[in-house]
Amino acid sequence: MQLKLYSRAWCSWCIDAKDYLSEKGYHFQEIDVGKDRQAYEEMKQLSAQTYVPTFVAGDKVLANFDTNQLRLAVSALGGNSHPDSCVATSKRKTASTEKSAIVRHVPGA
């Protein structure tokens, strides 16, 4: 299954997602939507939103998430047997932002 991570260079959640996937040994395609307008449009079509990071695994889309939410999504794919994959979903808070993940199924993707 192909894994894609739509991101932007300045996005701290994107950096966290890239680090997490790399540390766990997942092979994924990183797509910087800040540099590729066509990829940005593709991300919008797949996820029905404009936030990064957006993670695509086959026909599953997870958008606007934090690392704990990514951990749960990857675990649900069946490819992660790490004990820490059972961590509860949480919202990452910063001074002015709270992440609420958007999960979407894209038929035929």
PDB file of N, CA and C in Angstrom:
ATOM      1  N   MET A   1       0.851  -1.177   0.000  1.00  0.00           N
ATOM      2  CA  MET A   1       0.000   0.000   0.000  1.00  0.00           C
ATOM      3  C   MET A   1       0.895   1.238   0.000  1.00  0.00           C
ATOM      4  N   GLN A   2       0.581   2.169  -0.870  1.00  0.00           N
ATOM      5  CA  GLN A   2       1.350   3.397  -0.960  1.00  0.00           C
ATOM      6  C   GLN A   2       0.915   4.378   0.123  1.00  0.00           C
ATOM      7  N   LEU A   3       1.888   4.952   0.805  1.00  0.00           N
ATOM      8  CA  LEU A   3       1.636   5.949   1.840  1.00  0.00           C
ATOM      9  C   LEU A   3       2.129   7.299   1.339  1.00  0.00           C
ATOM     10  N   LYS A   4       1.274   8.319   1.491  1.00  0.00           N
ATOM     11  CA  LYS A   4       1.640   9.675   1.078  1.00  0.00           C
ATOM     12  C   LYS A   4       1.414  10.622   2.248  1.00  0.00           C
ATOM     13  N   LEU A   5       2.328  11.580   2.380  1.00  0.00           N
ATOM     14  CA  LEU A   5       2.182  12.611   3.390  1.00  0.00           C
ATOM     15  C   LEU A   5       2.267  13.960   2.694  1.00  0.00           C
ATOM     16  N   TYR A   6       1.132  14.661   2.644  1.00  0.00           N
ATOM     17  CA  TYR A   6       1.090  16.012   2.092  1.00  0.00           C
ATOM     18  C   TYR A   6       1.481  16.951   3.226  1.00  0.00           C
ATOM     19  N   SER A   7       2.453  17.820   2.961  1.00  0.00           N
ATOM     20  CA  SER A   7       2.984  18.652   4.037  1.00  0.00           C
ATOM     21  C   SER A   7       3.439  20.005   3.499  1.00  0.00           C
ATOM     22  N   ARG A   8       3.939  20.823   4.426  1.00  0.00           N
ATOM     23  CA  ARG A   8       4.595  22.090   4.090  1.00  0.00           C
ATOM     24  C   ARG A   8       5.835  22.176   4.953  1.00  0.00           C
ATOM     25  N   ALA A   9       6.865  22.815   4.454  1.00  0.00           N
ATOM     26  CA  ALA A   9       8.159  22.853   5.142  1.00  0.00           C
ATOM     27  C   ALA A   9       8.071  23.478   6.533  1.00  0.00           C
ATOM     28  N   TRP A  10       7.235  24.487   6.734  1.00  0.00           N
ATOM     29  CA  TRP A  10       7.163  25.223   7.991  1.00  0.00           C
ATOM     30  C   TRP A  10       6.229  24.609   9.028  1.00  0.00           C
ATOM     31  N   CYS A  11       5.525  23.556   8.673  1.00  0.00           N
ATOM     32  CA  CYS A  11       4.476  22.980   9.529  1.00  0.00           C
ATOM     33  C   CYS A  11       5.071  22.042  10.588  1.00  0.00           C
ATOM     34  N   SER A  12       4.934  22.404  11.862  1.00  0.00           N
ATOM     35  CA  SER A  12       5.506  21.587  12.935  1.00  0.00           C
ATOM     36  C   SER A  12       4.843  20.213  13.027  1.00  0.00           C
ATOM     37  N   TRP A  13       3.529  20.132  12.780  1.00  0.00           N
ATOM     38  CA  TRP A  13       2.851  18.827  12.806  1.00  0.00           C
ATOM     39  C   TRP A  13       3.334  17.950  11.654  1.00  0.00           C
ATOM     40  N   CYS A  14       3.650  18.568  10.525  1.00  0.00           N
ATOM     41  CA  CYS A  14       4.190  17.819   9.380  1.00  0.00           C
ATOM     42  C   CYS A  14       5.556  17.235   9.722  1.00  0.00           C
ATOM     43  N   ILE A  15       6.388  18.040  10.357  1.00  0.00           N
ATOM     44  CA  ILE A  15       7.715  17.574  10.772  1.00  0.00           C
ATOM     45  C   ILE A  15       7.572  16.418  11.756  1.00  0.00           C
ATOM     46  N   ASP A  16       6.655  16.554  12.717  1.00  0.00           N
ATOM     47  CA  ASP A  16       6.410  15.473  13.677  1.00  0.00           C
ATOM     48  C   ASP A  16       5.952  14.205  12.965  1.00  0.00           C
ATOM     49  N   ALA A  17       5.051  14.338  11.990  1.00  0.00           N
ATOM     50  CA  ALA A  17       4.539  13.181  11.252  1.00  0.00           C
ATOM     51  C   ALA A  17       5.657  12.502  10.459  1.00  0.00           C
ATOM     52  N   LYS A  18       6.485  13.298   9.780  1.00  0.00           N
ATOM     53  CA  LYS A  18       7.612  12.741   9.019  1.00  0.00           C
ATOM     54  C   LYS A  18       8.570  12.004   9.945  1.00  0.00           C
ATOM     55  N   ASP A  19       8.891  12.624  11.066  1.00  0.00           N
ATOM     56  CA  ASP A  19       9.795  11.987  12.024  1.00  0.00           C
ATOM     57  C   ASP A  19       9.212  10.677  12.534  1.00  0.00           C
ATOM     58  N   TYR A  20       7.929  10.681  12.898  1.00  0.00           N
ATOM     59  CA  TYR A  20       7.291   9.479  13.419  1.00  0.00           C
ATOM     60  C   TYR A  20       7.328   8.349  12.384  1.00  0.00           C
ATOM     61  N   LEU A  21       6.895   8.633  11.160  1.00  0.00           N
ATOM     62  CA  LEU A  21       6.863   7.606  10.113  1.00  0.00           C
ATOM     63  C   LEU A  21       8.267   7.072   9.827  1.00  0.00           C
ATOM     64  N   SER A  22       9.234   7.954   9.757  1.00  0.00           N
ATOM     65  CA  SER A  22      10.622   7.537   9.491  1.00  0.00           C
ATOM     66  C   SER A  22      11.176   6.686  10.631  1.00  0.00           C
ATOM     67  N   GLU A  23      10.957   7.127  11.872  1.00  0.00           N
ATOM     68  CA  GLU A  23      11.458   6.394  13.037  1.00  0.00           C
ATOM     69  C   GLU A  23      10.853   5.001  13.130  1.00  0.00           C
ATOM     70  N   LYS A  24       9.615   4.849  12.697  1.00  0.00           N
ATOM     71  CA  LYS A  24       8.932   3.551  12.760  1.00  0.00           C
ATOM     72  C   LYS A  24       9.217   2.694  11.530  1.00  0.00           C
ATOM     73  N   GLY A  25       9.975   3.225  10.587  1.00  0.00           N
ATOM     74  CA  GLY A  25      10.386   2.438   9.430  1.00  0.00           C
ATOM     75  C   GLY A  25       9.397   2.389   8.282  1.00  0.00           C
ATOM     76  N   TYR A  26       8.432   3.297   8.260  1.00  0.00           N
ATOM     77  CA  TYR A  26       7.465   3.330   7.161  1.00  0.00           C
ATOM     78  C   TYR A  26       8.082   4.028   5.950  1.00  0.00           C
ATOM     79  N   HIS A  27       7.817   3.485   4.787  1.00  0.00           N
ATOM     80  CA  HIS A  27       8.239   4.112   3.538  1.00  0.00           C
ATOM     81  C   HIS A  27       7.051   4.917   3.028  1.00  0.00           C
ATOM     82  N   PHE A  28       7.264   6.194   2.779  1.00  0.00           N
ATOM     83  CA  PHE A  28       6.171   7.065   2.369  1.00  0.00           C
ATOM     84  C   PHE A  28       6.697   8.115   1.410  1.00  0.00           C
ATOM     85  N   GLN A  29       5.783   8.630   0.626  1.00  0.00           N
ATOM     86  CA  GLN A  29       6.118   9.703  -0.296  1.00  0.00           C
ATOM     87  C   GLN A  29       5.722  11.014   0.362  1.00  0.00           C
ATOM     88  N   GLU A  30       6.690  11.907   0.504  1.00  0.00           N
ATOM     89  CA  GLU A  30       6.401  13.233   1.059  1.00  0.00           C
ATOM     90  C   GLU A  30       6.145  14.192  -0.089  1.00  0.00           C
ATOM     91  N   ILE A  31       5.059  14.926   0.003  1.00  0.00           N
ATOM     92  CA  ILE A  31       4.676  15.866  -1.045  1.00  0.00           C
ATOM     93  C   ILE A  31       4.502  17.244  -0.414  1.00  0.00           C
ATOM     94  N   ASP A  32       5.347  18.190  -0.797  1.00  0.00           N
ATOM     95  CA  ASP A  32       5.287  19.545  -0.258  1.00  0.00           C
ATOM     96  C   ASP A  32       4.300  20.361  -1.085  1.00  0.00           C
ATOM     97  N   VAL A  33       3.120  20.575  -0.531  1.00  0.00           N
ATOM     98  CA  VAL A  33       2.073  21.295  -1.262  1.00  0.00           C
ATOM     99  C   VAL A  33       2.363  22.786  -1.365  1.00  0.00           C
ATOM    100  N   GLY A  34       3.355  23.265  -0.624  1.00  0.00           N
ATOM    101  CA  GLY A  34       3.776  24.658  -0.749  1.00  0.00           C
ATOM    102  C   GLY A  34       4.580  24.897  -2.018  1.00  0.00           C
ATOM    103  N   LYS A  35       5.168  23.835  -2.551  1.00  0.00           N
ATOM    104  CA  LYS A  35       5.982  23.936  -3.756  1.00  0.00           C
ATOM    105  C   LYS A  35       5.276  23.389  -4.991  1.00  0.00           C
ATOM    106  N   ASP A  36       4.195  22.664  -4.803  1.00  0.00           N
ATOM    107  CA  ASP A  36       3.526  21.983  -5.913  1.00  0.00           C
ATOM    108  C   ASP A  36       2.027  22.252  -5.872  1.00  0.00           C
ATOM    109  N   ARG A  37       1.589  23.215  -6.673  1.00  0.00           N
ATOM    110  CA  ARG A  37       0.175  23.620  -6.669  1.00  0.00           C
ATOM    111  C   ARG A  37      -0.753  22.480  -7.096  1.00  0.00           C
ATOM    112  N   GLN A  38      -0.322  21.653  -8.047  1.00  0.00           N
ATOM    113  CA  GLN A  38      -1.135  20.515  -8.489  1.00  0.00           C
ATOM    114  C   GLN A  38      -1.317  19.517  -7.335  1.00  0.00           C
ATOM    115  N   ALA A  39      -0.266  19.294  -6.567  1.00  0.00           N
ATOM    116  CA  ALA A  39      -0.360  18.396  -5.410  1.00  0.00           C
ATOM    117  C   ALA A  39      -1.301  18.979  -4.356  1.00  0.00           C
ATOM    118  N   TYR A  40      -1.273  20.297  -4.192  1.00  0.00           N
ATOM    119  CA  TYR A  40      -2.189  20.959  -3.262  1.00  0.00           C
ATOM    120  C   TYR A  40      -3.642  20.709  -3.683  1.00  0.00           C
ATOM    121  N   GLU A  41      -3.914  20.849  -4.960  1.00  0.00           N
ATOM    122  CA  GLU A  41      -5.269  20.604  -5.467  1.00  0.00           C
ATOM    123  C   GLU A  41      -5.664  19.138  -5.292  1.00  0.00           C
ATOM    124  N   GLU A  42      -4.717  18.234  -5.510  1.00  0.00           N
ATOM    125  CA  GLU A  42      -4.977  16.807  -5.311  1.00  0.00           C
ATOM    126  C   GLU A  42      -5.307  16.519  -3.846  1.00  0.00           C
ATOM    127  N   MET A  43      -4.542  17.122  -2.934  1.00  0.00           N
ATOM    128  CA  MET A  43      -4.792  16.955  -1.504  1.00  0.00           C
ATOM    129  C   MET A  43      -6.185  17.460  -1.137  1.00  0.00           C
ATOM    130  N   LYS A  44      -6.556  18.624  -1.667  1.00  0.00           N
ATOM    131  CA  LYS A  44      -7.893  19.177  -1.398  1.00  0.00           C
ATOM    132  C   LYS A  44      -8.983  18.230  -1.884  1.00  0.00           C
ATOM    133  N   GLN A  45      -8.802  17.646  -3.058  1.00  0.00           N
ATOM    134  CA  GLN A  45      -9.803  16.734  -3.605  1.00  0.00           C
ATOM    135  C   GLN A  45      -9.910  15.467  -2.759  1.00  0.00           C
ATOM    136  N   LEU A  46      -8.782  14.911  -2.362  1.00  0.00           N
ATOM    137  CA  LEU A  46      -8.779  13.687  -1.571  1.00  0.00           C
ATOM    138  C   LEU A  46      -9.360  13.873  -0.180  1.00  0.00           C
ATOM    139  N   SER A  47      -9.036  15.013   0.439  1.00  0.00           N
ATOM    140  CA  SER A  47      -9.380  15.188   1.851  1.00  0.00           C
ATOM    141  C   SER A  47     -10.533  16.140   2.109  1.00  0.00           C
ATOM    142  N   ALA A  48     -11.000  16.836   1.088  1.00  0.00           N
ATOM    143  CA  ALA A  48     -12.100  17.804   1.224  1.00  0.00           C
ATOM    144  C   ALA A  48     -11.760  18.899   2.236  1.00  0.00           C
ATOM    145  N   GLN A  49     -10.478  19.286   2.314  1.00  0.00           N
ATOM    146  CA  GLN A  49     -10.038  20.341   3.218  1.00  0.00           C
ATOM    147  C   GLN A  49      -8.663  20.825   2.753  1.00  0.00           C
ATOM    148  N   THR A  50      -8.115  21.831   3.435  1.00  0.00           N
ATOM    149  CA  THR A  50      -6.856  22.429   2.986  1.00  0.00           C
ATOM    150  C   THR A  50      -5.745  22.390   4.033  1.00  0.00           C
ATOM    151  N   TYR A  51      -5.933  21.657   5.120  1.00  0.00           N
ATOM    152  CA  TYR A  51      -4.942  21.631   6.194  1.00  0.00           C
ATOM    153  C   TYR A  51      -3.844  20.604   5.936  1.00  0.00           C
ATOM    154  N   VAL A  52      -2.643  20.918   6.412  1.00  0.00           N
ATOM    155  CA  VAL A  52      -1.563  19.951   6.457  1.00  0.00           C
ATOM    156  C   VAL A  52      -1.234  19.698   7.924  1.00  0.00           C
ATOM    157  N   PRO A  53      -0.740  18.530   8.248  1.00  0.00           N
ATOM    158  CA  PRO A  53      -0.448  17.432   7.351  1.00  0.00           C
ATOM    159  C   PRO A  53      -1.706  16.690   6.932  1.00  0.00           C
ATOM    160  N   THR A  54      -1.622  16.050   5.774  1.00  0.00           N
ATOM    161  CA  THR A  54      -2.662  15.138   5.303  1.00  0.00           C
ATOM    162  C   THR A  54      -1.946  13.840   4.932  1.00  0.00           C
ATOM    163  N   PHE A  55      -2.407  12.738   5.513  1.00  0.00           N
ATOM    164  CA  PHE A  55      -1.809  11.422   5.330  1.00  0.00           C
ATOM    165  C   PHE A  55      -2.778  10.558   4.534  1.00  0.00           C
ATOM    166  N   VAL A  56      -2.294   9.920   3.473  1.00  0.00           N
ATOM    167  CA  VAL A  56      -3.122   9.058   2.638  1.00  0.00           C
ATOM    168  C   VAL A  56      -2.492   7.672   2.610  1.00  0.00           C
ATOM    169  N   ALA A  57      -3.310   6.672   2.943  1.00  0.00           N
ATOM    170  CA  ALA A  57      -2.887   5.271   2.904  1.00  0.00           C
ATOM    171  C   ALA A  57      -3.968   4.501   2.145  1.00  0.00           C
ATOM    172  N   GLY A  58      -3.704   4.228   0.869  1.00  0.00           N
ATOM    173  CA  GLY A  58      -4.721   3.568   0.045  1.00  0.00           C
ATOM    174  C   GLY A  58      -5.926   4.465  -0.099  1.00  0.00           C
ATOM    175  N   ASP A  59      -7.090   3.989   0.369  1.00  0.00           N
ATOM    176  CA  ASP A  59      -8.314   4.788   0.273  1.00  0.00           C
ATOM    177  C   ASP A  59      -8.669   5.486   1.583  1.00  0.00           C
ATOM    178  N   LYS A  60      -7.750   5.499   2.533  1.00  0.00           N
ATOM    179  CA  LYS A  60      -7.966   6.157   3.822  1.00  0.00           C
ATOM    180  C   LYS A  60      -7.208   7.477   3.850  1.00  0.00           C
ATOM    181  N   VAL A  61      -7.875   8.516   4.351  1.00  0.00           N
ATOM    182  CA  VAL A  61      -7.276   9.850   4.432  1.00  0.00           C
ATOM    183  C   VAL A  61      -7.420  10.361   5.857  1.00  0.00           C
ATOM    184  N   LEU A  62      -6.319  10.844   6.419  1.00  0.00           N
ATOM    185  CA  LEU A  62      -6.303  11.455   7.741  1.00  0.00           C
ATOM    186  C   LEU A  62      -5.736  12.856   7.561  1.00  0.00           C
ATOM    187  N   ALA A  63      -6.491  13.852   7.963  1.00  0.00           N
ATOM    188  CA  ALA A  63      -6.058  15.235   7.751  1.00  0.00           C
ATOM    189  C   ALA A  63      -6.120  16.017   9.049  1.00  0.00           C
ATOM    190  N   ASN A  64      -5.224  17.016   9.151  1.00  0.00           N
ATOM    191  CA  ASN A  64      -5.212  17.919  10.297  1.00  0.00           C
ATOM    192  C   ASN A  64      -5.077  17.139  11.606  1.00  0.00           C
ATOM    193  N   PHE A  65      -3.992  16.391  11.744  1.00  0.00           N
ATOM    194  CA  PHE A  65      -3.820  15.473  12.865  1.00  0.00           C
ATOM    195  C   PHE A  65      -2.528  15.756  13.628  1.00  0.00           C
ATOM    196  N   ASP A  66      -2.428  15.132  14.815  1.00  0.00           N
ATOM    197  CA  ASP A  66      -1.181  15.165  15.567  1.00  0.00           C
ATOM    198  C   ASP A  66      -0.572  13.763  15.560  1.00  0.00           C
ATOM    199  N   THR A  67       0.563  13.602  16.198  1.00  0.00           N
ATOM    200  CA  THR A  67       1.285  12.333  16.146  1.00  0.00           C
ATOM    201  C   THR A  67       0.496  11.189  16.776  1.00  0.00           C
ATOM    202  N   ASN A  68      -0.215  11.431  17.870  1.00  0.00           N
ATOM    203  CA  ASN A  68      -1.003  10.360  18.479  1.00  0.00           C
ATOM    204  C   ASN A  68      -2.106   9.882  17.547  1.00  0.00           C
ATOM    205  N   GLN A  69      -2.736  10.799  16.850  1.00  0.00           N
ATOM    206  CA  GLN A  69      -3.784  10.418  15.899  1.00  0.00           C
ATOM    207  C   GLN A  69      -3.193   9.660  14.722  1.00  0.00           C
ATOM    208  N   LEU A  70      -1.992  10.049  14.272  1.00  0.00           N
ATOM    209  CA  LEU A  70      -1.311   9.320  13.205  1.00  0.00           C
ATOM    210  C   LEU A  70      -0.961   7.912  13.673  1.00  0.00           C
ATOM    211  N   ARG A  71      -0.471   7.785  14.901  1.00  0.00           N
ATOM    212  CA  ARG A  71      -0.133   6.477  15.461  1.00  0.00           C
ATOM    213  C   ARG A  71      -1.347   5.545  15.420  1.00  0.00           C
ATOM    214  N   LEU A  72      -2.495   6.050  15.805  1.00  0.00           N
ATOM    215  CA  LEU A  72      -3.715   5.238  15.786  1.00  0.00           C
ATOM    216  C   LEU A  72      -4.111   4.863  14.355  1.00  0.00           C
ATOM    217  N   ALA A  73      -3.982   5.799  13.434  1.00  0.00           N
ATOM    218  CA  ALA A  73      -4.352   5.529  12.041  1.00  0.00           C
ATOM    219  C   ALA A  73      -3.438   4.474  11.426  1.00  0.00           C
ATOM    220  N   VAL A  74      -2.136   4.580  11.682  1.00  0.00           N
ATOM    221  CA  VAL A  74      -1.189   3.609  11.150  1.00  0.00           C
ATOM    222  C   VAL A  74      -1.431   2.249  11.786  1.00  0.00           C
ATOM    223  N   SER A  75      -1.728   2.238  13.059  1.00  0.00           N
ATOM    224  CA  SER A  75      -2.021   0.989  13.750  1.00  0.00           C
ATOM    225  C   SER A  75      -3.241   0.302  13.145  1.00  0.00           C
ATOM    226  N   ALA A  76      -4.248   1.081  12.781  1.00  0.00           N
ATOM    227  CA  ALA A  76      -5.465   0.537  12.190  1.00  0.00           C
ATOM    228  C   ALA A  76      -5.211  -0.091  10.821  1.00  0.00           C
ATOM    229  N   LEU A  77      -4.112   0.291  10.172  1.00  0.00           N
ATOM    230  CA  LEU A  77      -3.770  -0.298   8.874  1.00  0.00           C
ATOM    231  C   LEU A  77      -3.261  -1.719   9.033  1.00  0.00           C
ATOM    232  N   GLY A  78      -2.918  -2.095  10.273  1.00  0.00           N
ATOM    233  CA  GLY A  78      -2.435  -3.443  10.518  1.00  0.00           C
ATOM    234  C   GLY A  78      -0.941  -3.588  10.347  1.00  0.00           C
ATOM    235  N   GLY A  79      -0.242  -2.501  10.075  1.00  0.00           N
ATOM    236  CA  GLY A  79       1.183  -2.599   9.845  1.00  0.00           C
ATOM    237  C   GLY A  79       2.034  -2.190  11.020  1.00  0.00           C
ATOM    238  N   ASN A  80       1.433  -1.939  12.169  1.00  0.00           N
ATOM    239  CA  ASN A  80       2.211  -1.480  13.308  1.00  0.00           C
ATOM    240  C   ASN A  80       1.834  -2.298  14.524  1.00  0.00           C
ATOM    241  N   SER A  81       2.789  -3.063  15.050  1.00  0.00           N
ATOM    242  CA  SER A  81       2.513  -3.883  16.223  1.00  0.00           C
ATOM    243  C   SER A  81       3.213  -3.342  17.459  1.00  0.00           C
ATOM    244  N   HIS A  82       3.659  -2.098  17.408  1.00  0.00           N
ATOM    245  CA  HIS A  82       4.340  -1.510  18.548  1.00  0.00           C
ATOM    246  C   HIS A  82       3.368  -1.293  19.701  1.00  0.00           C
ATOM    247  N   PRO A  83       3.807  -1.531  20.936  1.00  0.00           N
ATOM    248  CA  PRO A  83       2.923  -1.349  22.089  1.00  0.00           C
ATOM    249  C   PRO A  83       2.381   0.065  22.207  1.00  0.00           C
ATOM    250  N   ASP A  84       3.149   1.050  21.751  1.00  0.00           N
ATOM    251  CA  ASP A  84       2.674   2.427  21.901  1.00  0.00           C
ATOM    252  C   ASP A  84       1.581   2.783  20.910  1.00  0.00           C
ATOM    253  N   SER A  85       1.177   1.841  20.058  1.00  0.00           N
ATOM    254  CA  SER A  85       0.129   2.125  19.084  1.00  0.00           C
ATOM    255  C   SER A  85      -1.250   2.174  19.730  1.00  0.00           C
ATOM    256  N   CYS A  86      -1.334   1.866  21.006  1.00  0.00           N
ATOM    257  CA  CYS A  86      -2.628   1.874  21.693  1.00  0.00           C
ATOM    258  C   CYS A  86      -2.875   3.176  22.454  1.00  0.00           C
ATOM    259  N   VAL A  87      -2.049   4.162  22.241  1.00  0.00           N
ATOM    260  CA  VAL A  87      -2.216   5.446  22.912  1.00  0.00           C
ATOM    261  C   VAL A  87      -3.529   6.085  22.467  1.00  0.00           C
ATOM    262  N   ALA A  88      -4.251   6.645  23.395  1.00  0.00           N
ATOM    263  CA  ALA A  88      -5.535   7.256  23.075  1.00  0.00           C
ATOM    264  C   ALA A  88      -5.355   8.483  22.194  1.00  0.00           C
ATOM    265  N   THR A  89      -6.356   8.740  21.368  1.00  0.00           N
ATOM    266  CA  THR A  89      -6.341   9.928  20.523  1.00  0.00           C
ATOM    267  C   THR A  89      -6.342  11.168  21.408  1.00  0.00           C
ATOM    268  N   SER A  90      -5.536  12.140  21.034  1.00  0.00           N
ATOM    269  CA  SER A  90      -5.492  13.383  21.787  1.00  0.00           C
ATOM    270  C   SER A  90      -5.476  14.551  20.828  1.00  0.00           C
ATOM    271  N   LYS A  91      -5.743  15.722  21.359  1.00  0.00           N
ATOM    272  CA  LYS A  91      -5.662  16.943  20.574  1.00  0.00           C
ATOM    273  C   LYS A  91      -4.417  17.676  20.999  1.00  0.00           C
ATOM    274  N   ARG A  92      -3.587  18.016  20.026  1.00  0.00           N
ATOM    275  CA  ARG A  92      -2.354  18.748  20.317  1.00  0.00           C
ATOM    276  C   ARG A  92      -2.706  20.225  20.409  1.00  0.00           C
ATOM    277  N   LYS A  93      -2.296  20.847  21.493  1.00  0.00           N
ATOM    278  CA  LYS A  93      -2.621  22.252  21.693  1.00  0.00           C
ATOM    279  C   LYS A  93      -1.362  23.093  21.624  1.00  0.00           C
ATOM    280  N   THR A  94      -1.480  24.224  20.980  1.00  0.00           N
ATOM    281  CA  THR A  94      -0.433  25.233  21.012  1.00  0.00           C
ATOM    282  C   THR A  94      -1.102  26.507  21.489  1.00  0.00           C
ATOM    283  N   ALA A  95      -0.391  27.595  21.438  1.00  0.00           N
ATOM    284  CA  ALA A  95      -0.943  28.851  21.945  1.00  0.00           C
ATOM    285  C   ALA A  95      -2.281  29.199  21.309  1.00  0.00           C
ATOM    286  N   SER A  96      -2.435  28.930  20.004  1.00  0.00           N
ATOM    287  CA  SER A  96      -3.669  29.355  19.347  1.00  0.00           C
ATOM    288  C   SER A  96      -4.294  28.272  18.475  1.00  0.00           C
ATOM    289  N   THR A  97      -3.794  27.031  18.552  1.00  0.00           N
ATOM    290  CA  THR A  97      -4.266  26.000  17.640  1.00  0.00           C
ATOM    291  C   THR A  97      -4.575  24.721  18.379  1.00  0.00           C
ATOM    292  N   GLU A  98      -5.615  24.047  17.965  1.00  0.00           N
ATOM    293  CA  GLU A  98      -5.942  22.731  18.479  1.00  0.00           C
ATOM    294  C   GLU A  98      -6.221  21.838  17.290  1.00  0.00           C
ATOM    295  N   LYS A  99      -5.623  20.662  17.244  1.00  0.00           N
ATOM    296  CA  LYS A  99      -5.802  19.749  16.122  1.00  0.00           C
ATOM    297  C   LYS A  99      -7.004  18.850  16.369  1.00  0.00           C
ATOM    298  N   SER A 100      -7.920  18.817  15.451  1.00  0.00           N
ATOM    299  CA  SER A 100      -9.022  17.869  15.446  1.00  0.00           C
ATOM    300  C   SER A 100      -8.944  17.129  14.127  1.00  0.00           C
ATOM    301  N   ALA A 101      -8.555  15.876  14.201  1.00  0.00           N
ATOM    302  CA  ALA A 101      -8.312  15.098  12.993  1.00  0.00           C
ATOM    303  C   ALA A 101      -9.581  14.926  12.169  1.00  0.00           C
ATOM    304  N   ILE A 102      -9.388  14.906  10.868  1.00  0.00           N
ATOM    305  CA  ILE A 102     -10.457  14.634   9.911  1.00  0.00           C
ATOM    306  C   ILE A 102     -10.113  13.306   9.255  1.00  0.00           C
ATOM    307  N   VAL A 103     -10.997  12.320   9.393  1.00  0.00           N
ATOM    308  CA  VAL A 103     -10.769  11.021   8.806  1.00  0.00           C
ATOM    309  C   VAL A 103     -11.768  10.822   7.693  1.00  0.00           C
ATOM    310  N   ARG A 104     -11.285  10.353   6.552  1.00  0.00           N
ATOM    311  CA  ARG A 104     -12.154  10.244   5.386  1.00  0.00           C
ATOM    312  C   ARG A 104     -11.824   8.975   4.618  1.00  0.00           C
ATOM    313  N   HIS A 105     -12.829   8.323   4.062  1.00  0.00           N
ATOM    314  CA  HIS A 105     -12.670   7.165   3.188  1.00  0.00           C
ATOM    315  C   HIS A 105     -12.956   7.646   1.769  1.00  0.00           C
ATOM    316  N   VAL A 106     -12.030   7.407   0.851  1.00  0.00           N
ATOM    317  CA  VAL A 106     -12.187   7.857  -0.526  1.00  0.00           C
ATOM    318  C   VAL A 106     -12.365   6.622  -1.418  1.00  0.00           C
ATOM    319  N   PRO A 107     -13.591   6.317  -1.829  1.00  0.00           N
ATOM    320  CA  PRO A 107     -13.822   5.165  -2.686  1.00  0.00           C
ATOM    321  C   PRO A 107     -13.066   5.280  -3.989  1.00  0.00           C
ATOM    322  N   GLY A 108     -12.432   4.204  -4.391  1.00  0.00           N
ATOM    323  CA  GLY A 108     -11.764   4.186  -5.679  1.00  0.00           C
ATOM    324  C   GLY A 108     -10.426   4.893  -5.715  1.00  0.00           C
ATOM    325  N   ALA A 109      -9.915   5.300  -4.550  1.00  0.00           N
ATOM    326  CA  ALA A 109      -8.633   6.015  -4.530  1.00  0.00           C
ATOM    327  C   ALA A 109      -7.482   5.028  -4.667  1.00  0.00           C
TER     328      ALA A 109
END
